[in-house]
Amino acid sequence: MSDPEDVRQDASASIQIIAGDEDLKGRYANLMSVSHTGEEFVLDFFSVTPSSRGEARGTLVSRVVTSPSHFKRIVAALEDNVDKYEQQFGEIEEPSGQFPVPDDIAAVH
């Protein structure tokens, strides 16, 4: 019987990713919200800009729904990339809030 790690490597090597032109452009997000149930994690990405009245206005630009195990792999990949970025460019400093952020929303830098 083969090692499950070998199966994962073989499966990922054969995945062909198809993305349309709009997807390849990407979407800008400067705010994100994470919520979860027992079965899934939901990541909402927003683009927030101040309005002329001084209020912040946000637009949902993308929603990602994923399993808890895949979410944990996403977090590990993000942590690994932040470490590599900071080794190359120096520590990322968190700016003071540019607009009010509700308690259940996490700022994305």
PDB file of N, CA and C in Angstrom:
ATOM      1  N   MET A   1       0.845  -1.177   0.000  1.00  0.00           N
ATOM      2  CA  MET A   1       0.000   0.000   0.000  1.00  0.00           C
ATOM      3  C   MET A   1       0.892   1.242   0.000  1.00  0.00           C
ATOM      4  N   SER A   2       0.495   2.253  -0.746  1.00  0.00           N
ATOM      5  CA  SER A   2       1.338   3.447  -0.857  1.00  0.00           C
ATOM      6  C   SER A   2       1.124   4.390   0.314  1.00  0.00           C
ATOM      7  N   ASP A   3       2.115   5.209   0.542  1.00  0.00           N
ATOM      8  CA  ASP A   3       2.078   6.224   1.592  1.00  0.00           C
ATOM      9  C   ASP A   3       1.070   7.310   1.197  1.00  0.00           C
ATOM     10  N   PRO A   4       0.162   7.728   2.111  1.00  0.00           N
ATOM     11  CA  PRO A   4      -0.809   8.782   1.781  1.00  0.00           C
ATOM     12  C   PRO A   4      -0.141  10.069   1.306  1.00  0.00           C
ATOM     13  N   GLU A   5       1.055  10.360   1.804  1.00  0.00           N
ATOM     14  CA  GLU A   5       1.774  11.568   1.362  1.00  0.00           C
ATOM     15  C   GLU A   5       2.100  11.469  -0.131  1.00  0.00           C
ATOM     16  N   ASP A   6       2.492  10.263  -0.588  1.00  0.00           N
ATOM     17  CA  ASP A   6       2.789  10.066  -2.006  1.00  0.00           C
ATOM     18  C   ASP A   6       1.550  10.288  -2.860  1.00  0.00           C
ATOM     19  N   VAL A   7       0.398   9.840  -2.366  1.00  0.00           N
ATOM     20  CA  VAL A   7      -0.855  10.010  -3.096  1.00  0.00           C
ATOM     21  C   VAL A   7      -1.170  11.496  -3.235  1.00  0.00           C
ATOM     22  N   ARG A   8      -1.012  12.260  -2.154  1.00  0.00           N
ATOM     23  CA  ARG A   8      -1.285  13.699  -2.198  1.00  0.00           C
ATOM     24  C   ARG A   8      -0.359  14.388  -3.192  1.00  0.00           C
ATOM     25  N   GLN A   9       0.902  14.011  -3.211  1.00  0.00           N
ATOM     26  CA  GLN A   9       1.846  14.631  -4.140  1.00  0.00           C
ATOM     27  C   GLN A   9       1.476  14.298  -5.578  1.00  0.00           C
ATOM     28  N   ASP A  10       1.116  13.040  -5.835  1.00  0.00           N
ATOM     29  CA  ASP A  10       0.736  12.647  -7.185  1.00  0.00           C
ATOM     30  C   ASP A  10      -0.521  13.388  -7.627  1.00  0.00           C
ATOM     31  N   ALA A  11      -1.501  13.500  -6.740  1.00  0.00           N
ATOM     32  CA  ALA A  11      -2.757  14.165  -7.082  1.00  0.00           C
ATOM     33  C   ALA A  11      -2.532  15.639  -7.370  1.00  0.00           C
ATOM     34  N   SER A  12      -1.721  16.310  -6.559  1.00  0.00           N
ATOM     35  CA  SER A  12      -1.507  17.738  -6.776  1.00  0.00           C
ATOM     36  C   SER A  12      -0.695  17.989  -8.033  1.00  0.00           C
ATOM     37  N   ALA A  13       0.158  17.055  -8.412  1.00  0.00           N
ATOM     38  CA  ALA A  13       0.969  17.229  -9.610  1.00  0.00           C
ATOM     39  C   ALA A  13       0.121  17.143 -10.869  1.00  0.00           C
ATOM     40  N   SER A  14      -1.046  16.506 -10.803  1.00  0.00           N
ATOM     41  CA  SER A  14      -1.857  16.308 -11.997  1.00  0.00           C
ATOM     42  C   SER A  14      -3.019  17.298 -12.110  1.00  0.00           C
ATOM     43  N   ILE A  15      -3.136  18.240 -11.185  1.00  0.00           N
ATOM     44  CA  ILE A  15      -4.241  19.199 -11.233  1.00  0.00           C
ATOM     45  C   ILE A  15      -3.934  20.285 -12.250  1.00  0.00           C
ATOM     46  N   GLN A  16      -4.860  20.501 -13.169  1.00  0.00           N
ATOM     47  CA  GLN A  16      -4.737  21.597 -14.124  1.00  0.00           C
ATOM     48  C   GLN A  16      -5.676  22.706 -13.668  1.00  0.00           C
ATOM     49  N   ILE A  17      -5.140  23.892 -13.486  1.00  0.00           N
ATOM     50  CA  ILE A  17      -5.927  25.029 -13.020  1.00  0.00           C
ATOM     51  C   ILE A  17      -6.334  25.875 -14.217  1.00  0.00           C
ATOM     52  N   ILE A  18      -7.615  26.178 -14.306  1.00  0.00           N
ATOM     53  CA  ILE A  18      -8.133  27.031 -15.368  1.00  0.00           C
ATOM     54  C   ILE A  18      -8.660  28.300 -14.723  1.00  0.00           C
ATOM     55  N   ALA A  19      -8.203  29.442 -15.199  1.00  0.00           N
ATOM     56  CA  ALA A  19      -8.658  30.729 -14.670  1.00  0.00           C
ATOM     57  C   ALA A  19      -8.946  31.663 -15.833  1.00  0.00           C
ATOM     58  N   GLY A  20     -10.080  32.354 -15.738  1.00  0.00           N
ATOM     59  CA  GLY A  20     -10.431  33.326 -16.766  1.00  0.00           C
ATOM     60  C   GLY A  20      -9.652  34.614 -16.584  1.00  0.00           C
ATOM     61  N   ASP A  21      -9.704  35.467 -17.601  1.00  0.00           N
ATOM     62  CA  ASP A  21      -8.983  36.743 -17.554  1.00  0.00           C
ATOM     63  C   ASP A  21      -9.376  37.583 -16.347  1.00  0.00           C
ATOM     64  N   GLU A  22     -10.659  37.624 -16.005  1.00  0.00           N
ATOM     65  CA  GLU A  22     -11.110  38.422 -14.858  1.00  0.00           C
ATOM     66  C   GLU A  22     -10.524  37.897 -13.556  1.00  0.00           C
ATOM     67  N   ASP A  23     -10.447  36.585 -13.429  1.00  0.00           N
ATOM     68  CA  ASP A  23      -9.868  35.995 -12.218  1.00  0.00           C
ATOM     69  C   ASP A  23      -8.381  36.299 -12.113  1.00  0.00           C
ATOM     70  N   LEU A  24      -7.683  36.309 -13.229  1.00  0.00           N
ATOM     71  CA  LEU A  24      -6.241  36.552 -13.220  1.00  0.00           C
ATOM     72  C   LEU A  24      -5.895  37.988 -12.848  1.00  0.00           C
ATOM     73  N   LYS A  25      -6.833  38.907 -13.042  1.00  0.00           N
ATOM     74  CA  LYS A  25      -6.597  40.301 -12.657  1.00  0.00           C
ATOM     75  C   LYS A  25      -6.505  40.441 -11.144  1.00  0.00           C
ATOM     76  N   GLY A  26      -7.161  39.561 -10.424  1.00  0.00           N
ATOM     77  CA  GLY A  26      -7.180  39.638  -8.969  1.00  0.00           C
ATOM     78  C   GLY A  26      -8.180  40.678  -8.488  1.00  0.00           C
ATOM     79  N   ARG A  27      -8.367  40.726  -7.189  1.00  0.00           N
ATOM     80  CA  ARG A  27      -9.270  41.688  -6.574  1.00  0.00           C
ATOM     81  C   ARG A  27      -8.572  42.273  -5.365  1.00  0.00           C
ATOM     82  N   TYR A  28      -8.712  43.588  -5.181  1.00  0.00           N
ATOM     83  CA  TYR A  28      -8.077  44.259  -4.058  1.00  0.00           C
ATOM     84  C   TYR A  28      -8.962  44.127  -2.826  1.00  0.00           C
ATOM     85  N   ALA A  29      -8.369  43.744  -1.699  1.00  0.00           N
ATOM     86  CA  ALA A  29      -9.084  43.670  -0.425  1.00  0.00           C
ATOM     87  C   ALA A  29      -8.194  44.249   0.664  1.00  0.00           C
ATOM     88  N   ASN A  30      -8.781  45.100   1.506  1.00  0.00           N
ATOM     89  CA  ASN A  30      -8.023  45.659   2.629  1.00  0.00           C
ATOM     90  C   ASN A  30      -8.712  45.365   3.960  1.00  0.00           C
ATOM     91  N   LEU A  31      -9.696  44.472   3.914  1.00  0.00           N
ATOM     92  CA  LEU A  31     -10.407  44.070   5.123  1.00  0.00           C
ATOM     93  C   LEU A  31     -10.921  42.656   4.913  1.00  0.00           C
ATOM     94  N   MET A  32     -10.945  41.876   5.978  1.00  0.00           N
ATOM     95  CA  MET A  32     -11.477  40.521   5.847  1.00  0.00           C
ATOM     96  C   MET A  32     -12.183  40.098   7.118  1.00  0.00           C
ATOM     97  N   SER A  33     -13.147  39.223   6.940  1.00  0.00           N
ATOM     98  CA  SER A  33     -13.899  38.664   8.054  1.00  0.00           C
ATOM     99  C   SER A  33     -13.825  37.148   7.950  1.00  0.00           C
ATOM    100  N   VAL A  34     -13.626  36.491   9.085  1.00  0.00           N
ATOM    101  CA  VAL A  34     -13.602  35.030   9.117  1.00  0.00           C
ATOM    102  C   VAL A  34     -14.685  34.564  10.075  1.00  0.00           C
ATOM    103  N   SER A  35     -15.517  33.647   9.619  1.00  0.00           N
ATOM    104  CA  SER A  35     -16.522  33.038  10.491  1.00  0.00           C
ATOM    105  C   SER A  35     -16.500  31.532  10.233  1.00  0.00           C
ATOM    106  N   HIS A  36     -17.171  30.786  11.091  1.00  0.00           N
ATOM    107  CA  HIS A  36     -17.147  29.333  10.914  1.00  0.00           C
ATOM    108  C   HIS A  36     -18.363  28.685  11.543  1.00  0.00           C
ATOM    109  N   THR A  37     -18.642  27.490  11.044  1.00  0.00           N
ATOM    110  CA  THR A  37     -19.606  26.579  11.650  1.00  0.00           C
ATOM    111  C   THR A  37     -18.808  25.335  12.024  1.00  0.00           C
ATOM    112  N   GLY A  38     -19.474  24.294  12.442  1.00  0.00           N
ATOM    113  CA  GLY A  38     -18.775  23.048  12.730  1.00  0.00           C
ATOM    114  C   GLY A  38     -18.240  22.372  11.482  1.00  0.00           C
ATOM    115  N   GLU A  39     -18.740  22.770  10.322  1.00  0.00           N
ATOM    116  CA  GLU A  39     -18.399  22.091   9.075  1.00  0.00           C
ATOM    117  C   GLU A  39     -17.531  22.893   8.119  1.00  0.00           C
ATOM    118  N   GLU A  40     -17.482  24.239   8.274  1.00  0.00           N
ATOM    119  CA  GLU A  40     -16.761  25.032   7.282  1.00  0.00           C
ATOM    120  C   GLU A  40     -16.311  26.377   7.833  1.00  0.00           C
ATOM    121  N   PHE A  41     -15.325  26.957   7.168  1.00  0.00           N
ATOM    122  CA  PHE A  41     -14.869  28.317   7.442  1.00  0.00           C
ATOM    123  C   PHE A  41     -15.295  29.190   6.271  1.00  0.00           C
ATOM    124  N   VAL A  42     -15.682  30.423   6.582  1.00  0.00           N
ATOM    125  CA  VAL A  42     -16.074  31.384   5.553  1.00  0.00           C
ATOM    126  C   VAL A  42     -15.162  32.597   5.679  1.00  0.00           C
ATOM    127  N   LEU A  43     -14.468  32.925   4.605  1.00  0.00           N
ATOM    128  CA  LEU A  43     -13.592  34.096   4.556  1.00  0.00           C
ATOM    129  C   LEU A  43     -14.225  35.102   3.604  1.00  0.00           C
ATOM    130  N   ASP A  44     -14.605  36.257   4.119  1.00  0.00           N
ATOM    131  CA  ASP A  44     -15.154  37.334   3.305  1.00  0.00           C
ATOM    132  C   ASP A  44     -14.097  38.414   3.162  1.00  0.00           C
ATOM    133  N   PHE A  45     -13.810  38.805   1.936  1.00  0.00           N
ATOM    134  CA  PHE A  45     -12.829  39.842   1.641  1.00  0.00           C
ATOM    135  C   PHE A  45     -13.559  41.082   1.144  1.00  0.00           C
ATOM    136  N   PHE A  46     -13.182  42.239   1.703  1.00  0.00           N
ATOM    137  CA  PHE A  46     -13.846  43.498   1.384  1.00  0.00           C
ATOM    138  C   PHE A  46     -12.838  44.523   0.876  1.00  0.00           C
ATOM    139  N   SER A  47     -13.326  45.428   0.060  1.00  0.00           N
ATOM    140  CA  SER A  47     -12.586  46.635  -0.293  1.00  0.00           C
ATOM    141  C   SER A  47     -13.313  47.782   0.393  1.00  0.00           C
ATOM    142  N   VAL A  48     -12.625  48.443   1.323  1.00  0.00           N
ATOM    143  CA  VAL A  48     -13.239  49.507   2.114  1.00  0.00           C
ATOM    144  C   VAL A  48     -12.596  50.835   1.747  1.00  0.00           C
ATOM    145  N   THR A  49     -13.440  51.821   1.475  1.00  0.00           N
ATOM    146  CA  THR A  49     -12.971  53.176   1.185  1.00  0.00           C
ATOM    147  C   THR A  49     -13.795  54.159   1.998  1.00  0.00           C
ATOM    148  N   PRO A  50     -13.191  55.272   2.393  1.00  0.00           N
ATOM    149  CA  PRO A  50     -13.957  56.278   3.132  1.00  0.00           C
ATOM    150  C   PRO A  50     -14.905  57.011   2.190  1.00  0.00           C
ATOM    151  N   SER A  51     -16.078  57.370   2.693  1.00  0.00           N
ATOM    152  CA  SER A  51     -17.016  58.158   1.894  1.00  0.00           C
ATOM    153  C   SER A  51     -16.785  59.633   2.167  1.00  0.00           C
ATOM    154  N   SER A  52     -17.457  60.481   1.421  1.00  0.00           N
ATOM    155  CA  SER A  52     -17.300  61.929   1.589  1.00  0.00           C
ATOM    156  C   SER A  52     -17.804  62.395   2.950  1.00  0.00           C
ATOM    157  N   ARG A  53     -18.664  61.608   3.594  1.00  0.00           N
ATOM    158  CA  ARG A  53     -19.184  61.971   4.921  1.00  0.00           C
ATOM    159  C   ARG A  53     -18.311  61.423   6.043  1.00  0.00           C
ATOM    160  N   GLY A  54     -17.171  60.873   5.707  1.00  0.00           N
ATOM    161  CA  GLY A  54     -16.265  60.357   6.722  1.00  0.00           C
ATOM    162  C   GLY A  54     -16.583  58.950   7.183  1.00  0.00           C
ATOM    163  N   GLU A  55     -17.595  58.329   6.605  1.00  0.00           N
ATOM    164  CA  GLU A  55     -17.946  56.952   6.951  1.00  0.00           C
ATOM    165  C   GLU A  55     -17.210  56.009   5.999  1.00  0.00           C
ATOM    166  N   ALA A  56     -16.820  54.876   6.510  1.00  0.00           N
ATOM    167  CA  ALA A  56     -16.187  53.870   5.658  1.00  0.00           C
ATOM    168  C   ALA A  56     -17.274  53.056   4.969  1.00  0.00           C
ATOM    169  N   ARG A  57     -17.056  52.755   3.693  1.00  0.00           N
ATOM    170  CA  ARG A  57     -17.984  51.921   2.933  1.00  0.00           C
ATOM    171  C   ARG A  57     -17.224  50.726   2.400  1.00  0.00           C
ATOM    172  N   GLY A  58     -17.782  49.557   2.605  1.00  0.00           N
ATOM    173  CA  GLY A  58     -17.121  48.342   2.159  1.00  0.00           C
ATOM    174  C   GLY A  58     -17.927  47.600   1.116  1.00  0.00           C
ATOM    175  N   THR A  59     -17.220  46.977   0.187  1.00  0.00           N
ATOM    176  CA  THR A  59     -17.834  46.148  -0.842  1.00  0.00           C
ATOM    177  C   THR A  59     -17.236  44.754  -0.741  1.00  0.00           C
ATOM    178  N   LEU A  60     -18.095  43.746  -0.671  1.00  0.00           N
ATOM    179  CA  LEU A  60     -17.615  42.364  -0.672  1.00  0.00           C
ATOM    180  C   LEU A  60     -17.041  42.067  -2.053  1.00  0.00           C
ATOM    181  N   VAL A  61     -15.766  41.707  -2.104  1.00  0.00           N
ATOM    182  CA  VAL A  61     -15.138  41.417  -3.393  1.00  0.00           C
ATOM    183  C   VAL A  61     -14.947  39.923  -3.623  1.00  0.00           C
ATOM    184  N   SER A  62     -14.959  39.140  -2.541  1.00  0.00           N
ATOM    185  CA  SER A  62     -14.815  37.700  -2.708  1.00  0.00           C
ATOM    186  C   SER A  62     -15.203  36.984  -1.418  1.00  0.00           C
ATOM    187  N   ARG A  63     -15.781  35.813  -1.565  1.00  0.00           N
ATOM    188  CA  ARG A  63     -16.098  34.943  -0.425  1.00  0.00           C
ATOM    189  C   ARG A  63     -15.516  33.570  -0.719  1.00  0.00           C
ATOM    190  N   VAL A  64     -14.773  33.043   0.247  1.00  0.00           N
ATOM    191  CA  VAL A  64     -14.186  31.711   0.120  1.00  0.00           C
ATOM    192  C   VAL A  64     -14.743  30.858   1.250  1.00  0.00           C
ATOM    193  N   VAL A  65     -15.321  29.720   0.893  1.00  0.00           N
ATOM    194  CA  VAL A  65     -15.853  28.774   1.875  1.00  0.00           C
ATOM    195  C   VAL A  65     -15.015  27.504   1.751  1.00  0.00           C
ATOM    196  N   THR A  66     -14.489  27.026   2.894  1.00  0.00           N
ATOM    197  CA  THR A  66     -13.599  25.868   2.841  1.00  0.00           C
ATOM    198  C   THR A  66     -13.756  25.000   4.090  1.00  0.00           C
ATOM    199  N   SER A  67     -13.240  23.803   4.022  1.00  0.00           N
ATOM    200  CA  SER A  67     -13.324  22.868   5.147  1.00  0.00           C
ATOM    201  C   SER A  67     -12.346  23.276   6.248  1.00  0.00           C
ATOM    202  N   PRO A  68     -12.596  22.837   7.491  1.00  0.00           N
ATOM    203  CA  PRO A  68     -11.662  23.148   8.577  1.00  0.00           C
ATOM    204  C   PRO A  68     -10.235  22.653   8.302  1.00  0.00           C
ATOM    205  N   SER A  69     -10.090  21.461   7.751  1.00  0.00           N
ATOM    206  CA  SER A  69      -8.734  20.951   7.507  1.00  0.00           C
ATOM    207  C   SER A  69      -8.023  21.766   6.428  1.00  0.00           C
ATOM    208  N   HIS A  70      -8.745  22.168   5.398  1.00  0.00           N
ATOM    209  CA  HIS A  70      -8.107  22.988   4.363  1.00  0.00           C
ATOM    210  C   HIS A  70      -7.808  24.391   4.895  1.00  0.00           C
ATOM    211  N   PHE A  71      -8.692  24.923   5.734  1.00  0.00           N
ATOM    212  CA  PHE A  71      -8.447  26.238   6.331  1.00  0.00           C
ATOM    213  C   PHE A  71      -7.154  26.216   7.145  1.00  0.00           C
ATOM    214  N   LYS A  72      -6.935  25.128   7.873  1.00  0.00           N
ATOM    215  CA  LYS A  72      -5.710  25.014   8.672  1.00  0.00           C
ATOM    216  C   LYS A  72      -4.477  25.012   7.769  1.00  0.00           C
ATOM    217  N   ARG A  73      -4.568  24.370   6.601  1.00  0.00           N
ATOM    218  CA  ARG A  73      -3.454  24.387   5.644  1.00  0.00           C
ATOM    219  C   ARG A  73      -3.258  25.788   5.063  1.00  0.00           C
ATOM    220  N   ILE A  74      -4.353  26.517   4.845  1.00  0.00           N
ATOM    221  CA  ILE A  74      -4.258  27.902   4.363  1.00  0.00           C
ATOM    222  C   ILE A  74      -3.514  28.749   5.390  1.00  0.00           C
ATOM    223  N   VAL A  75      -3.895  28.618   6.661  1.00  0.00           N
ATOM    224  CA  VAL A  75      -3.240  29.390   7.730  1.00  0.00           C
ATOM    225  C   VAL A  75      -1.748  29.065   7.772  1.00  0.00           C
ATOM    226  N   ALA A  76      -1.396  27.792   7.673  1.00  0.00           N
ATOM    227  CA  ALA A  76       0.021  27.401   7.700  1.00  0.00           C
ATOM    228  C   ALA A  76       0.770  28.000   6.508  1.00  0.00           C
ATOM    229  N   ALA A  77       0.153  28.000   5.340  1.00  0.00           N
ATOM    230  CA  ALA A  77       0.795  28.576   4.153  1.00  0.00           C
ATOM    231  C   ALA A  77       0.965  30.081   4.307  1.00  0.00           C
ATOM    232  N   LEU A  78      -0.031  30.755   4.877  1.00  0.00           N
ATOM    233  CA  LEU A  78       0.076  32.198   5.113  1.00  0.00           C
ATOM    234  C   LEU A  78       1.194  32.509   6.102  1.00  0.00           C
ATOM    235  N   GLU A  79       1.250  31.752   7.209  1.00  0.00           N
ATOM    236  CA  GLU A  79       2.307  31.970   8.205  1.00  0.00           C
ATOM    237  C   GLU A  79       3.685  31.758   7.586  1.00  0.00           C
ATOM    238  N   ASP A  80       3.822  30.709   6.780  1.00  0.00           N
ATOM    239  CA  ASP A  80       5.096  30.419   6.128  1.00  0.00           C
ATOM    240  C   ASP A  80       5.499  31.567   5.199  1.00  0.00           C
ATOM    241  N   ASN A  81       4.542  32.089   4.443  1.00  0.00           N
ATOM    242  CA  ASN A  81       4.849  33.171   3.511  1.00  0.00           C
ATOM    243  C   ASN A  81       5.153  34.480   4.219  1.00  0.00           C
ATOM    244  N   VAL A  82       4.480  34.766   5.322  1.00  0.00           N
ATOM    245  CA  VAL A  82       4.803  35.973   6.094  1.00  0.00           C
ATOM    246  C   VAL A  82       6.225  35.859   6.632  1.00  0.00           C
ATOM    247  N   ASP A  83       6.590  34.691   7.156  1.00  0.00           N
ATOM    248  CA  ASP A  83       7.958  34.481   7.653  1.00  0.00           C
ATOM    249  C   ASP A  83       8.985  34.723   6.543  1.00  0.00           C
ATOM    250  N   LYS A  84       8.743  34.152   5.368  1.00  0.00           N
ATOM    251  CA  LYS A  84       9.671  34.324   4.247  1.00  0.00           C
ATOM    252  C   LYS A  84       9.735  35.785   3.809  1.00  0.00           C
ATOM    253  N   TYR A  85       8.597  36.456   3.761  1.00  0.00           N
ATOM    254  CA  TYR A  85       8.555  37.875   3.382  1.00  0.00           C
ATOM    255  C   TYR A  85       9.377  38.707   4.355  1.00  0.00           C
ATOM    256  N   GLU A  86       9.159  38.471   5.662  1.00  0.00           N
ATOM    257  CA  GLU A  86       9.859  39.259   6.678  1.00  0.00           C
ATOM    258  C   GLU A  86      11.360  38.967   6.691  1.00  0.00           C
ATOM    259  N   GLN A  87      11.759  37.753   6.361  1.00  0.00           N
ATOM    260  CA  GLN A  87      13.188  37.447   6.255  1.00  0.00           C
ATOM    261  C   GLN A  87      13.824  38.233   5.108  1.00  0.00           C
ATOM    262  N   GLN A  88      13.073  38.404   4.039  1.00  0.00           N
ATOM    263  CA  GLN A  88      13.610  39.095   2.867  1.00  0.00           C
ATOM    264  C   GLN A  88      13.491  40.616   2.968  1.00  0.00           C
ATOM    265  N   PHE A  89      12.357  41.120   3.484  1.00  0.00           N
ATOM    266  CA  PHE A  89      12.077  42.555   3.441  1.00  0.00           C
ATOM    267  C   PHE A  89      12.021  43.230   4.805  1.00  0.00           C
ATOM    268  N   GLY A  90      12.095  42.472   5.882  1.00  0.00           N
ATOM    269  CA  GLY A  90      11.986  43.041   7.219  1.00  0.00           C
ATOM    270  C   GLY A  90      10.581  42.879   7.770  1.00  0.00           C
ATOM    271  N   GLU A  91      10.471  43.141   9.063  1.00  0.00           N
ATOM    272  CA  GLU A  91       9.203  42.939   9.765  1.00  0.00           C
ATOM    273  C   GLU A  91       8.096  43.824   9.196  1.00  0.00           C
ATOM    274  N   ILE A  92       6.928  43.244   9.062  1.00  0.00           N
ATOM    275  CA  ILE A  92       5.751  43.989   8.615  1.00  0.00           C
ATOM    276  C   ILE A  92       5.197  44.722   9.822  1.00  0.00           C
ATOM    277  N   GLU A  93       5.114  46.031   9.708  1.00  0.00           N
ATOM    278  CA  GLU A  93       4.548  46.830  10.793  1.00  0.00           C
ATOM    279  C   GLU A  93       3.065  47.032  10.540  1.00  0.00           C
ATOM    280  N   GLU A  94       2.271  46.848  11.590  1.00  0.00           N
ATOM    281  CA  GLU A  94       0.836  47.040  11.458  1.00  0.00           C
ATOM    282  C   GLU A  94       0.504  48.510  11.664  1.00  0.00           C
ATOM    283  N   PRO A  95      -0.104  49.144  10.649  1.00  0.00           N
ATOM    284  CA  PRO A  95      -0.445  50.561  10.791  1.00  0.00           C
ATOM    285  C   PRO A  95      -1.618  50.748  11.745  1.00  0.00           C
ATOM    286  N   SER A  96      -1.740  51.962  12.265  1.00  0.00           N
ATOM    287  CA  SER A  96      -2.912  52.251  13.091  1.00  0.00           C
ATOM    288  C   SER A  96      -4.137  52.220  12.189  1.00  0.00           C
ATOM    289  N   GLY A  97      -5.308  52.005  12.777  1.00  0.00           N
ATOM    290  CA  GLY A  97      -6.541  51.885  12.011  1.00  0.00           C
ATOM    291  C   GLY A  97      -6.806  53.090  11.126  1.00  0.00           C
ATOM    292  N   GLN A  98      -7.065  52.825   9.859  1.00  0.00           N
ATOM    293  CA  GLN A  98      -7.379  53.891   8.921  1.00  0.00           C
ATOM    294  C   GLN A  98      -8.872  54.162   8.883  1.00  0.00           C
ATOM    295  N   PHE A  99      -9.650  53.207   9.328  1.00  0.00           N
ATOM    296  CA  PHE A  99     -11.092  53.365   9.413  1.00  0.00           C
ATOM    297  C   PHE A  99     -11.574  52.446  10.520  1.00  0.00           C
ATOM    298  N   PRO A 100     -12.741  52.739  11.085  1.00  0.00           N
ATOM    299  CA  PRO A 100     -13.229  51.888  12.178  1.00  0.00           C
ATOM    300  C   PRO A 100     -13.454  50.459  11.693  1.00  0.00           C
ATOM    301  N   VAL A 101     -13.016  49.507  12.491  1.00  0.00           N
ATOM    302  CA  VAL A 101     -13.157  48.102  12.132  1.00  0.00           C
ATOM    303  C   VAL A 101     -14.005  47.411  13.191  1.00  0.00           C
ATOM    304  N   PRO A 102     -15.153  46.818  12.795  1.00  0.00           N
ATOM    305  CA  PRO A 102     -15.971  46.087  13.769  1.00  0.00           C
ATOM    306  C   PRO A 102     -15.177  44.957  14.412  1.00  0.00           C
ATOM    307  N   ASP A 103     -15.577  44.545  15.604  1.00  0.00           N
ATOM    308  CA  ASP A 103     -14.854  43.519  16.357  1.00  0.00           C
ATOM    309  C   ASP A 103     -14.705  42.204  15.604  1.00  0.00           C
ATOM    310  N   ASP A 104     -15.696  41.858  14.764  1.00  0.00           N
ATOM    311  CA  ASP A 104     -15.641  40.566  14.084  1.00  0.00           C
ATOM    312  C   ASP A 104     -14.986  40.653  12.705  1.00  0.00           C
ATOM    313  N   ILE A 105     -14.337  41.765  12.415  1.00  0.00           N
ATOM    314  CA  ILE A 105     -13.656  41.953  11.137  1.00  0.00           C
ATOM    315  C   ILE A 105     -12.165  42.127  11.413  1.00  0.00           C
ATOM    316  N   ALA A 106     -11.333  41.468  10.627  1.00  0.00           N
ATOM    317  CA  ALA A 106      -9.880  41.595  10.789  1.00  0.00           C
ATOM    318  C   ALA A 106      -9.314  42.372   9.612  1.00  0.00           C
ATOM    319  N   ALA A 107      -8.498  43.359   9.886  1.00  0.00           N
ATOM    320  CA  ALA A 107      -7.896  44.144   8.809  1.00  0.00           C
ATOM    321  C   ALA A 107      -6.881  43.309   8.055  1.00  0.00           C
ATOM    322  N   VAL A 108      -6.877  43.454   6.754  1.00  0.00           N
ATOM    323  CA  VAL A 108      -5.915  42.788   5.891  1.00  0.00           C
ATOM    324  C   VAL A 108      -4.951  43.843   5.393  1.00  0.00           C
ATOM    325  N   HIS A 109      -3.661  43.582   5.532  1.00  0.00           N
ATOM    326  CA  HIS A 109      -2.651  44.565   5.120  1.00  0.00           C
ATOM    327  C   HIS A 109      -1.966  44.091   3.872  1.00  0.00           C
TER     328      HIS A 109
END
